[in-house]
Amino acid sequence: MKSSYLAAAVAVGFLILSSAKADVITSLGNTASGLTSGTKYTGATILSAQSGQASPFNGACGSDASSNCSTNWTFTYTLGADEVVDGATLTLGIFDIDSAASGNQVGSFTLTGGDDLTAALNAVSETLDGGSGSPNSYYDVLSITIPSTSFAVLDGGSATFNLTLAGPGLGALGTTTYNGASLIFSTLDLQTETISSVPEPAMWYLLLAAIGGIMLFRARARKPS
């Protein structure tokens, strides 16, 4: 009898904490550019792919000749009632990151109010092209997993990412002091969980009945025979 009451309580508790999984996907830039990751392109092709997009996905960011790429972009989205983030992936389509040059070409990559993602993006960037890094004028798609320590920020309905590249870069004549690039698109994929934080009246009744049953059983068990 005791085990049946415990089973009922566990079952009701599961109902109270039951959740539904969903994805919230938001993108900026040209996700349908037709560009192939790991492929060399001309500047004209990249500008065509960026045409009509919002900043910073509409032109060059920095220049190999004069300044490192430094920019940011913000996703805005709506989470449902009682919906929280329990997984997140950031994808970036970028042209000319030049990670085949010496050192790390991602100088800084952060989520405002959240984690420093520099090491994570560098790790992906450096493994491009079979581990040798991306050559000059290549387009690549990079994806990183955002750690759970940033989920509270993502729960707020907006996320601002800040990217700064670092030299040396690569040019037609070899290494360059600075590292410019072009952003084609970025996608934020959030895995969410909807938690029923307020049980229905019937669920309250079942829970109270289960607890009452356990208390009654324990009281009878203590009563001298």
Foldseek 3Di string as FASTA:
>chain_A
DLVVLVVLLVVLVCVQFPKDKDKDKDKFFQPPLVDDAPDFDDQVSCQVLQPPGDPPQNHKAADLAGAWGKDKDKAFADDDVQKFFDWKKKKWKKWQLQLLDPDFFWPWKDKVVFDTCSVQQSVQQCCPPNRNGRHGRGIHMGMGIGDPRCRVVVRVRMIMMITTTADQGADPVGTGRYGMIHTRMMMMMTIMIRGNNDDDPVSVVSNVVSVVVNVVVVVVVVDDD
